[in-house]
C-alpha atoms as a PDB file:
ATOM      1  CA  MET A   1      61.444 100.954 109.271  1.00  0.00           C
ATOM      2  CA  ALA A   2      63.363 102.666 106.469  1.00  0.00           C
ATOM      3  CA  VAL A   3      65.294 100.408 104.120  1.00  0.00           C
ATOM      4  CA  SER A   4      68.844 101.572 103.466  1.00  0.00           C
ATOM      5  CA  GLY A   5      70.852 101.168 100.330  1.00  0.00           C
ATOM      6  CA  THR A   6      73.983  99.038 100.168  1.00  0.00           C
ATOM      7  CA  LEU A   7      77.598 100.202 100.365  1.00  0.00           C
ATOM      8  CA  TRP A   8      79.314  98.477  97.433  1.00  0.00           C
ATOM      9  CA  LEU A   9      83.108  98.142  97.606  1.00  0.00           C
ATOM     10  CA  VAL A  10      84.073  98.541  93.949  1.00  0.00           C
ATOM     11  CA  PRO A  11      87.555  97.379  92.845  1.00  0.00           C
ATOM     12  CA  ASN A  12      89.645  99.469  90.507  1.00  0.00           C
ATOM     13  CA  ALA A  13      92.394  98.504  88.084  1.00  0.00           C
ATOM     14  CA  LEU A  14      96.024  98.551  89.263  1.00  0.00           C
ATOM     15  CA  ASP A  15      97.353 100.694  86.422  1.00  0.00           C
ATOM     16  CA  LEU A  16      97.160 104.169  87.979  1.00  0.00           C
ATOM     17  CA  GLY A  17     100.188 106.150  86.807  1.00  0.00           C
ATOM     18  CA  ALA A  18     101.031 103.562  84.146  1.00  0.00           C
ATOM     19  CA  GLU A  19      99.782 102.773  80.659  1.00  0.00           C
ATOM     20  CA  ALA A  20      96.130 101.758  80.974  1.00  0.00           C
ATOM     21  CA  VAL A  21      95.246  98.132  80.373  1.00  0.00           C
ATOM     22  CA  PRO A  22      91.868  97.059  78.952  1.00  0.00           C
ATOM     23  CA  ILE A  23      89.598  97.226  81.970  1.00  0.00           C
ATOM     24  CA  GLU A  24      87.717  94.117  80.887  1.00  0.00           C
ATOM     25  CA  ASP A  25      90.985  92.196  81.325  1.00  0.00           C
ATOM     26  CA  VAL A  26      91.121  92.926  85.074  1.00  0.00           C
ATOM     27  CA  LEU A  27      87.517  93.457  86.217  1.00  0.00           C
ATOM     28  CA  PRO A  28      84.632  90.976  85.883  1.00  0.00           C
ATOM     29  CA  LEU A  29      81.696  92.049  83.738  1.00  0.00           C
ATOM     30  CA  GLY A  30      79.385  91.808  86.748  1.00  0.00           C
ATOM     31  CA  VAL A  31      81.494  94.341  88.639  1.00  0.00           C
ATOM     32  CA  MET A  32      81.304  96.811  85.764  1.00  0.00           C
ATOM     33  CA  ARG A  33      77.545  96.315  85.508  1.00  0.00           C
ATOM     34  CA  ARG A  34      77.174  97.104  89.196  1.00  0.00           C
ATOM     35  CA  ALA A  35      79.442 100.150  88.921  1.00  0.00           C
ATOM     36  CA  ALA A  36      77.543 101.432  85.878  1.00  0.00           C
ATOM     37  CA  ALA A  37      74.272 101.294  87.820  1.00  0.00           C
ATOM     38  CA  LEU A  38      75.456 103.350  90.801  1.00  0.00           C
ATOM     39  CA  GLY A  39      74.518 107.013  91.040  1.00  0.00           C
ATOM     40  CA  HIS A  40      76.260 107.854  94.331  1.00  0.00           C
ATOM     41  CA  TRP A  41      79.961 107.454  95.068  1.00  0.00           C
ATOM     42  CA  VAL A  42      82.494 108.048  97.838  1.00  0.00           C
ATOM     43  CA  VAL A  43      85.969 107.993  96.313  1.00  0.00           C
ATOM     44  CA  GLU A  44      89.607 108.545  97.085  1.00  0.00           C
ATOM     45  CA  ASP A  45      90.014 111.036  94.233  1.00  0.00           C
ATOM     46  CA  ALA A  46      87.173 112.470  92.137  1.00  0.00           C
ATOM     47  CA  ARG A  47      89.254 112.976  89.009  1.00  0.00           C
ATOM     48  CA  SER A  48      90.549 109.408  88.875  1.00  0.00           C
ATOM     49  CA  ALA A  49      87.067 108.127  89.779  1.00  0.00           C
ATOM     50  CA  ARG A  50      85.589 109.871  86.737  1.00  0.00           C
ATOM     51  CA  ALA A  51      88.367 108.383  84.595  1.00  0.00           C
ATOM     52  CA  PHE A  52      87.481 104.935  85.962  1.00  0.00           C
ATOM     53  CA  LEU A  53      83.786 105.428  85.201  1.00  0.00           C
ATOM     54  CA  LYS A  54      84.598 106.527  81.650  1.00  0.00           C
ATOM     55  CA  ARG A  55      86.442 103.226  81.196  1.00  0.00           C
ATOM     56  CA  VAL A  56      83.469 101.332  82.592  1.00  0.00           C
ATOM     57  CA  HIS A  57      81.115 103.257  80.295  1.00  0.00           C
ATOM     58  CA  ALA A  58      83.076 102.059  77.259  1.00  0.00           C
ATOM     59  CA  VAL A  59      82.111  98.490  78.211  1.00  0.00           C
ATOM     60  CA  VAL A  60      78.804  98.932  80.070  1.00  0.00           C
ATOM     61  CA  PRO A  61      76.943 102.240  79.511  1.00  0.00           C
ATOM     62  CA  LEU A  62      76.396 104.211  82.712  1.00  0.00           C
ATOM     63  CA  ALA A  63      72.800 104.395  83.928  1.00  0.00           C
ATOM     64  CA  ARG A  64      73.198 108.175  84.339  1.00  0.00           C
ATOM     65  CA  PRO A  65      75.411 110.681  82.546  1.00  0.00           C
ATOM     66  CA  LEU A  66      78.760 111.079  84.265  1.00  0.00           C
ATOM     67  CA  GLN A  67      77.960 114.718  85.035  1.00  0.00           C
ATOM     68  CA  ALA A  68      74.808 113.671  86.899  1.00  0.00           C
ATOM     69  CA  LEU A  69      76.582 111.298  89.295  1.00  0.00           C
ATOM     70  CA  GLU A  70      77.127 112.342  92.899  1.00  0.00           C
ATOM     71  CA  ILE A  71      80.852 111.861  93.589  1.00  0.00           C
ATOM     72  CA  VAL A  72      82.241 112.847  97.000  1.00  0.00           C
ATOM     73  CA  GLU A  73      85.844 112.418  98.137  1.00  0.00           C
ATOM     74  CA  LEU A  74      86.955 110.749 101.340  1.00  0.00           C
ATOM     75  CA  PRO A  75      88.319 113.226 103.906  1.00  0.00           C
ATOM     76  CA  ARG A  76      91.979 114.128 103.779  1.00  0.00           C
ATOM     77  CA  PRO A  77      94.174 115.299 106.653  1.00  0.00           C
ATOM     78  CA  ALA A  78      94.237 118.960 107.587  1.00  0.00           C
ATOM     79  CA  LYS A  79      96.919 121.056 105.902  1.00  0.00           C
ATOM     80  CA  GLY A  80     100.172 120.719 107.788  1.00  0.00           C
ATOM     81  CA  ALA A  81      99.237 117.427 109.430  1.00  0.00           C
ATOM     82  CA  PRO A  82     102.036 114.847 109.318  1.00  0.00           C
ATOM     83  CA  THR A  83     101.571 112.188 106.677  1.00  0.00           C
ATOM     84  CA  GLU A  84     103.543 109.288 105.241  1.00  0.00           C
ATOM     85  CA  PRO A  85     104.927 110.053 102.645  1.00  0.00           C
ATOM     86  CA  SER A  86     105.817 113.641 103.577  1.00  0.00           C
ATOM     87  CA  ALA A  87     103.792 116.489 102.134  1.00  0.00           C
ATOM     88  CA  GLN A  88     106.861 117.705 100.267  1.00  0.00           C
ATOM     89  CA  GLU A  89     107.094 114.540  98.193  1.00  0.00           C
ATOM     90  CA  PRO A  90     105.006 113.958  95.058  1.00  0.00           C
ATOM     91  CA  ARG A  91     101.602 112.381  95.733  1.00  0.00           C
ATOM     92  CA  ASN A  92     100.705 109.256  93.854  1.00  0.00           C
ATOM     93  CA  ALA A  93      98.240 106.442  94.345  1.00  0.00           C
ATOM     94  CA  ARG A  94      99.958 105.020  97.407  1.00  0.00           C
ATOM     95  CA  GLY A  95     100.757 108.407  98.948  1.00  0.00           C
ATOM     96  CA  ALA A  96      97.123 109.414  98.603  1.00  0.00           C
ATOM     97  CA  ALA A  97      96.054 106.144 100.144  1.00  0.00           C
ATOM     98  CA  VAL A  98      98.151 106.780 103.230  1.00  0.00           C
ATOM     99  CA  GLU A  99      96.889 110.358 103.572  1.00  0.00           C
ATOM    100  CA  ALA A 100      93.247 109.372 103.324  1.00  0.00           C
ATOM    101  CA  SER A 101      93.723 106.410 105.652  1.00  0.00           C
ATOM    102  CA  ALA A 102      95.328 108.686 108.225  1.00  0.00           C
ATOM    103  CA  ALA A 103      92.408 111.082 107.824  1.00  0.00           C
ATOM    104  CA  GLY A 104      90.023 108.230 108.418  1.00  0.00           C
ATOM    105  CA  ARG A 105      91.764 107.233 111.623  1.00  0.00           C
ATOM    106  CA  ARG A 106      91.649 110.816 112.891  1.00  0.00           C
ATOM    107  CA  SER A 107      87.960 111.064 112.020  1.00  0.00           C
ATOM    108  CA  VAL A 108      87.250 107.955 114.071  1.00  0.00           C
ATOM    109  CA  GLN A 109      89.222 109.456 116.951  1.00  0.00           C
ATOM    110  CA  ARG A 110      87.258 112.720 116.666  1.00  0.00           C
ATOM    111  CA  ALA A 111      83.999 110.802 116.708  1.00  0.00           C
ATOM    112  CA  ALA A 112      85.082 108.921 119.822  1.00  0.00           C
ATOM    113  CA  ALA A 113      85.898 112.239 121.498  1.00  0.00           C
ATOM    114  CA  GLY A 114      82.500 113.681 120.622  1.00  0.00           C
ATOM    115  CA  SER A 115      83.687 115.831 117.701  1.00  0.00           C
ATOM    116  CA  PRO A 116      81.731 115.977 114.445  1.00  0.00           C
ATOM    117  CA  SER A 117      82.307 112.984 112.163  1.00  0.00           C
ATOM    118  CA  PRO A 118      82.191 113.126 108.358  1.00  0.00           C
ATOM    119  CA  TRP A 119      80.819 109.605 107.945  1.00  0.00           C
ATOM    120  CA  PRO A 120      77.069 110.223 108.464  1.00  0.00           C
ATOM    121  CA  ALA A 121      77.076 112.786 105.650  1.00  0.00           C
ATOM    122  CA  LEU A 122      79.004 110.454 103.353  1.00  0.00           C
ATOM    123  CA  LEU A 123      76.563 107.626 104.122  1.00  0.00           C
ATOM    124  CA  ALA A 124      73.504 109.856 103.657  1.00  0.00           C
ATOM    125  CA  PRO A 125      72.599 108.460 100.199  1.00  0.00           C
ATOM    126  CA  ALA A 126      72.653 104.896 101.541  1.00  0.00           C
ATOM    127  CA  LEU A 127      70.626 105.898 104.601  1.00  0.00           C
ATOM    128  CA  ALA A 128      68.123 107.462 102.197  1.00  0.00           C
ATOM    129  CA  GLY A 129      67.763 104.167 100.349  1.00  0.00           C
ATOM    130  CA  HIS A 130      70.272 104.596  97.493  1.00  0.00           C
ATOM    131  CA  ASP A 131      73.095 102.202  96.716  1.00  0.00           C
ATOM    132  CA  LEU A 132      76.490 103.799  97.289  1.00  0.00           C
ATOM    133  CA  GLY A 133      79.849 102.903  95.734  1.00  0.00           C
ATOM    134  CA  LEU A 134      83.223 103.141  97.480  1.00  0.00           C
ATOM    135  CA  LEU A 135      86.222 103.422  95.123  1.00  0.00           C
ATOM    136  CA  SER A 136      89.975 103.731  95.677  1.00  0.00           C
ATOM    137  CA  GLU A 137      92.474 104.883  93.090  1.00  0.00           C
ATOM    138  CA  ALA A 138      93.803 101.337  92.683  1.00  0.00           C
ATOM    139  CA  GLY A 139      92.821  97.862  93.787  1.00  0.00           C
ATOM    140  CA  LEU A 140      90.238  96.982  96.424  1.00  0.00           C
ATOM    141  CA  PRO A 141      88.983  99.814  98.610  1.00  0.00           C
ATOM    142  CA  ALA A 142      89.881  99.533 102.304  1.00  0.00           C
ATOM    143  CA  VAL A 143      92.627  96.933 101.603  1.00  0.00           C
ATOM    144  CA  ALA A 144      95.944  98.826 101.698  1.00  0.00           C
ATOM    145  CA  ASP A 145      93.830 101.747 100.491  1.00  0.00           C
ATOM    146  CA  PRO A 146      91.537 104.221 102.247  1.00  0.00           C
ATOM    147  CA  GLY A 147      87.909 103.595 103.097  1.00  0.00           C
ATOM    148  CA  ALA A 148      87.968 101.274 106.121  1.00  0.00           C
ATOM    149  CA  ALA A 149      86.554 103.973 108.414  1.00  0.00           C
ATOM    150  CA  LEU A 150      83.607 104.500 106.064  1.00  0.00           C
ATOM    151  CA  VAL A 151      82.981 100.744 105.993  1.00  0.00           C
ATOM    152  CA  ALA A 152      83.077 100.655 109.800  1.00  0.00           C
ATOM    153  CA  ALA A 153      80.629 103.560 109.937  1.00  0.00           C
ATOM    154  CA  ALA A 154      78.322 101.713 107.533  1.00  0.00           C
ATOM    155  CA  HIS A 155      78.275  98.681 109.827  1.00  0.00           C
ATOM    156  CA  ALA A 156      77.535 100.914 112.819  1.00  0.00           C
ATOM    157  CA  ALA A 157      74.671 102.577 110.942  1.00  0.00           C
ATOM    158  CA  GLY A 158      73.161  99.300 109.790  1.00  0.00           C
ATOM    159  CA  VAL A 159      74.039  99.865 106.124  1.00  0.00           C
ATOM    160  CA  PRO A 160      74.729  96.539 104.331  1.00  0.00           C
ATOM    161  CA  VAL A 161      78.261  96.210 102.969  1.00  0.00           C
ATOM    162  CA  GLN A 162      78.992  94.170  99.846  1.00  0.00           C
ATOM    163  CA  PRO A 163      82.534  93.702  98.440  1.00  0.00           C
ATOM    164  CA  LEU A 164      82.927  93.035  94.729  1.00  0.00           C
ATOM    165  CA  PRO A 165      85.668  90.820  93.259  1.00  0.00           C
ATOM    166  CA  GLY A 166      88.690  92.433  91.683  1.00  0.00           C
ATOM    167  CA  ALA A 167      92.450  92.677  91.685  1.00  0.00           C
ATOM    168  CA  SER A 168      94.280  93.013  95.000  1.00  0.00           C
ATOM    169  CA  SER A 169      98.026  93.397  94.580  1.00  0.00           C
ATOM    170  CA  LEU A 170      98.614  91.926  98.059  1.00  0.00           C
ATOM    171  CA  SER A 171      96.805  88.645  97.490  1.00  0.00           C
ATOM    172  CA  MET A 172      98.148  88.335  93.939  1.00  0.00           C
ATOM    173  CA  ALA A 173     101.727  88.895  95.094  1.00  0.00           C
ATOM    174  CA  LEU A 174     101.326  86.404  97.927  1.00  0.00           C
ATOM    175  CA  ALA A 175      99.901  83.787  95.571  1.00  0.00           C
ATOM    176  CA  ALA A 176     102.808  84.284  93.164  1.00  0.00           C
ATOM    177  CA  SER A 177     105.482  84.299  95.880  1.00  0.00           C
ATOM    178  CA  GLY A 178     105.688  80.615  96.730  1.00  0.00           C
ATOM    179  CA  LEU A 179     105.904  81.667 100.396  1.00  0.00           C
ATOM    180  CA  ASP A 180     103.528  80.577 103.159  1.00  0.00           C
ATOM    181  CA  GLY A 181     100.037  81.624 102.116  1.00  0.00           C
ATOM    182  CA  GLN A 182      98.435  80.125 105.243  1.00  0.00           C
ATOM    183  CA  HIS A 183     100.222  82.380 107.734  1.00  0.00           C
ATOM    184  CA  PHE A 184     100.990  85.917 106.619  1.00  0.00           C
ATOM    185  CA  ALA A 185     100.806  89.535 107.742  1.00  0.00           C
ATOM    186  CA  PHE A 186     100.505  92.762 105.771  1.00  0.00           C
ATOM    187  CA  VAL A 187     102.720  95.299 107.536  1.00  0.00           C
ATOM    188  CA  GLY A 188     101.987  98.342 105.365  1.00  0.00           C
ATOM    189  CA  TYR A 189     104.854 100.763 104.780  1.00  0.00           C
ATOM    190  CA  LEU A 190     108.340 100.626 106.242  1.00  0.00           C
ATOM    191  CA  PRO A 191     109.834 103.735 107.897  1.00  0.00           C
ATOM    192  CA  GLN A 192     111.572 106.159 105.548  1.00  0.00           C
ATOM    193  CA  GLU A 193     114.553 106.915 107.785  1.00  0.00           C
ATOM    194  CA  PRO A 194     117.271 104.358 106.995  1.00  0.00           C
ATOM    195  CA  GLY A 195     118.085 103.434 110.593  1.00  0.00           C
ATOM    196  CA  ALA A 196     114.454 103.041 111.593  1.00  0.00           C
ATOM    197  CA  ARG A 197     113.765 101.069 108.420  1.00  0.00           C
ATOM    198  CA  ALA A 198     116.588  98.627 109.150  1.00  0.00           C
ATOM    199  CA  THR A 199     115.366  98.191 112.724  1.00  0.00           C
ATOM    200  CA  ARG A 200     111.840  97.494 111.515  1.00  0.00           C
ATOM    201  CA  LEU A 201     113.083  94.963 108.957  1.00  0.00           C
ATOM    202  CA  ARG A 202     115.023  93.099 111.631  1.00  0.00           C
ATOM    203  CA  GLU A 203     111.931  93.055 113.876  1.00  0.00           C
ATOM    204  CA  LEU A 204     109.731  91.713 111.080  1.00  0.00           C
ATOM    205  CA  GLU A 205     112.304  89.109 110.073  1.00  0.00           C
ATOM    206  CA  ALA A 206     112.501  87.896 113.678  1.00  0.00           C
ATOM    207  CA  ARG A 207     108.694  87.674 113.794  1.00  0.00           C
ATOM    208  CA  SER A 208     108.673  85.766 110.519  1.00  0.00           C
ATOM    209  CA  ARG A 209     111.260  83.305 111.846  1.00  0.00           C
ATOM    210  CA  GLN A 210     109.486  82.841 115.171  1.00  0.00           C
ATOM    211  CA  LEU A 211     105.973  82.428 113.759  1.00  0.00           C
ATOM    212  CA  GLY A 212     106.726  80.947 110.341  1.00  0.00           C
ATOM    213  CA  GLN A 213     104.802  83.914 108.960  1.00  0.00           C
ATOM    214  CA  THR A 214     105.200  85.615 105.579  1.00  0.00           C
ATOM    215  CA  GLN A 215     105.598  89.398 105.883  1.00  0.00           C
ATOM    216  CA  ILE A 216     104.236  91.658 103.117  1.00  0.00           C
ATOM    217  CA  CYS A 217     104.865  95.363 102.549  1.00  0.00           C
ATOM    218  CA  ILE A 218     104.304  97.964  99.858  1.00  0.00           C
ATOM    219  CA  GLU A 219     105.901 101.296  99.042  1.00  0.00           C
ATOM    220  CA  THR A 220     105.423 104.285  96.806  1.00  0.00           C
ATOM    221  CA  PRO A 221     107.074 103.360  93.492  1.00  0.00           C
ATOM    222  CA  TYR A 222     109.717 106.079  93.627  1.00  0.00           C
ATOM    223  CA  ARG A 223     111.115 104.436  96.782  1.00  0.00           C
ATOM    224  CA  ASN A 224     111.168 100.882  95.383  1.00  0.00           C
ATOM    225  CA  ALA A 225     114.940 100.913  94.913  1.00  0.00           C
ATOM    226  CA  ALA A 226     115.625 102.257  98.412  1.00  0.00           C
ATOM    227  CA  VAL A 227     113.415  99.623 100.031  1.00  0.00           C
ATOM    228  CA  LEU A 228     115.018  96.809  98.056  1.00  0.00           C
ATOM    229  CA  ALA A 229     118.510  98.042  98.926  1.00  0.00           C
ATOM    230  CA  ALA A 230     117.574  98.134 102.618  1.00  0.00           C
ATOM    231  CA  MET A 231     116.190  94.603 102.453  1.00  0.00           C
ATOM    232  CA  LEU A 232     119.293  93.211 100.763  1.00  0.00           C
ATOM    233  CA  ALA A 233     121.528  94.953 103.295  1.00  0.00           C
ATOM    234  CA  THR A 234     119.512  93.940 106.377  1.00  0.00           C
ATOM    235  CA  LEU A 235     117.789  90.580 105.879  1.00  0.00           C
ATOM    236  CA  ALA A 236     119.652  87.328 106.495  1.00  0.00           C
ATOM    237  CA  PRO A 237     121.156  85.601 103.426  1.00  0.00           C
ATOM    238  CA  GLY A 238     118.829  82.616 103.785  1.00  0.00           C
ATOM    239  CA  THR A 239     115.619  84.613 104.123  1.00  0.00           C
ATOM    240  CA  ARG A 240     113.435  84.102 101.074  1.00  0.00           C
ATOM    241  CA  LEU A 241     112.384  87.361  99.420  1.00  0.00           C
ATOM    242  CA  ALA A 242     109.669  87.634  96.744  1.00  0.00           C
ATOM    243  CA  ILE A 243     109.115  90.701  94.570  1.00  0.00           C
ATOM    244  CA  SER A 244     106.069  91.279  92.369  1.00  0.00           C
ATOM    245  CA  CYS A 245     106.322  94.255  90.057  1.00  0.00           C
ATOM    246  CA  GLY A 246     103.598  95.856  87.930  1.00  0.00           C
ATOM    247  CA  LEU A 247     100.938  93.226  88.555  1.00  0.00           C
ATOM    248  CA  THR A 248      98.252  93.143  85.788  1.00  0.00           C
ATOM    249  CA  LEU A 249     100.399  95.516  83.667  1.00  0.00           C
ATOM    250  CA  PRO A 250     102.285  94.570  80.493  1.00  0.00           C
ATOM    251  CA  GLY A 251     105.666  93.160  81.480  1.00  0.00           C
ATOM    252  CA  ALA A 252     104.553  92.253  85.015  1.00  0.00           C
ATOM    253  CA  TRP A 253     106.799  89.809  86.849  1.00  0.00           C
ATOM    254  CA  SER A 254     107.052  87.935  90.136  1.00  0.00           C
ATOM    255  CA  ARG A 255     110.221  86.268  91.384  1.00  0.00           C
ATOM    256  CA  MET A 256     111.264  84.637  94.675  1.00  0.00           C
ATOM    257  CA  GLN A 257     114.716  83.580  95.811  1.00  0.00           C
ATOM    258  CA  ALA A 258     116.988  83.792  98.834  1.00  0.00           C
ATOM    259  CA  VAL A 259     118.383  87.188  99.785  1.00  0.00           C
ATOM    260  CA  ALA A 260     121.874  85.876  99.021  1.00  0.00           C
ATOM    261  CA  ALA A 261     120.823  85.214  95.411  1.00  0.00           C
ATOM    262  CA  TRP A 262     119.232  88.662  95.094  1.00  0.00           C
ATOM    263  CA  ARG A 263     122.473  90.213  96.343  1.00  0.00           C
ATOM    264  CA  ARG A 264     124.466  88.538  93.575  1.00  0.00           C
ATOM    265  CA  GLN A 265     122.180  89.978  90.899  1.00  0.00           C
ATOM    266  CA  PRO A 266     119.827  92.647  92.251  1.00  0.00           C
ATOM    267  CA  PRO A 267     117.017  93.695  89.915  1.00  0.00           C
ATOM    268  CA  VAL A 268     116.462  97.226  88.704  1.00  0.00           C
ATOM    269  CA  LEU A 269     113.006  98.249  89.894  1.00  0.00           C
ATOM    270  CA  PRO A 270     111.118 100.971  88.009  1.00  0.00           C
ATOM    271  CA  ASP A 271     110.280 104.121  89.954  1.00  0.00           C
ATOM    272  CA  ARG A 272     106.822 104.542  88.415  1.00  0.00           C
ATOM    273  CA  VAL A 273     105.455 101.010  88.712  1.00  0.00           C
ATOM    274  CA  PRO A 274     104.190  99.590  92.006  1.00  0.00           C
ATOM    275  CA  ALA A 275     105.950  96.651  93.620  1.00  0.00           C
ATOM    276  CA  VAL A 276     104.960  94.336  96.467  1.00  0.00           C
ATOM    277  CA  PHE A 277     107.626  92.778  98.709  1.00  0.00           C
ATOM    278  CA  ALA A 278     107.146  89.556 100.717  1.00  0.00           C
ATOM    279  CA  TRP A 279     109.661  87.646 102.787  1.00  0.00           C
ATOM    280  CA  LEU A 280     109.845  84.548 104.956  1.00  0.00           C
ATOM    281  CA  ALA A 281     112.771  83.829 107.285  1.00  0.00           C
END
């Protein structure tokens, strides 16, 4: 019986679109050693993946020249397919994550309907016995980032899956929030349309109150201010709201207080730095 390689889930730094931080400050040495040894990659974006590997190489020399590595991108949705954010808005790390995640879901649906699936080809190096790396543009792959469908396909094909430790903005923000870390839910992105967003916030606040459950969401940085304004206008005064901004970056901060206190002195959130929002009614 053929022995397959392993699918390694390789964490990235959280500084995409911001001033780069020393990678050794956010990734363990063992992770960089593993990344430097891999010759086959499936990535969210090839350009940013090469930039990541150059940063790794400065700490742990790559086993092969960068030009000799096999780097393949995760599938993206067909042109004209609806995405969140809209195709007319600028793509950034989070926008790309949503697009690729949506593509992954459609690929799984195609496979279930008998249509060709991209995953066997992407897993081919692992099925041939080579270790394979999965990399997102920021944070842990397949956690609020694309790649879950590839991981599922690896399990179905009998390819071992190994996650590596690294920064996850969701878990870091939850830890820093002071909210309930035993019962929580990541709810992804809120709707863009103001009315639908307010309705969703009220639904999530009611769920939080009923279940005693912390709710966590993210947004593309250029909509940070709009999301915060919607939260302050919609959530109850006594609901506790935590904001973590620019985690692992210089000047990062996390703060939690009641919505009423935020309303008295709302913060100015940057439009180029990611933020994570968590609330508990």
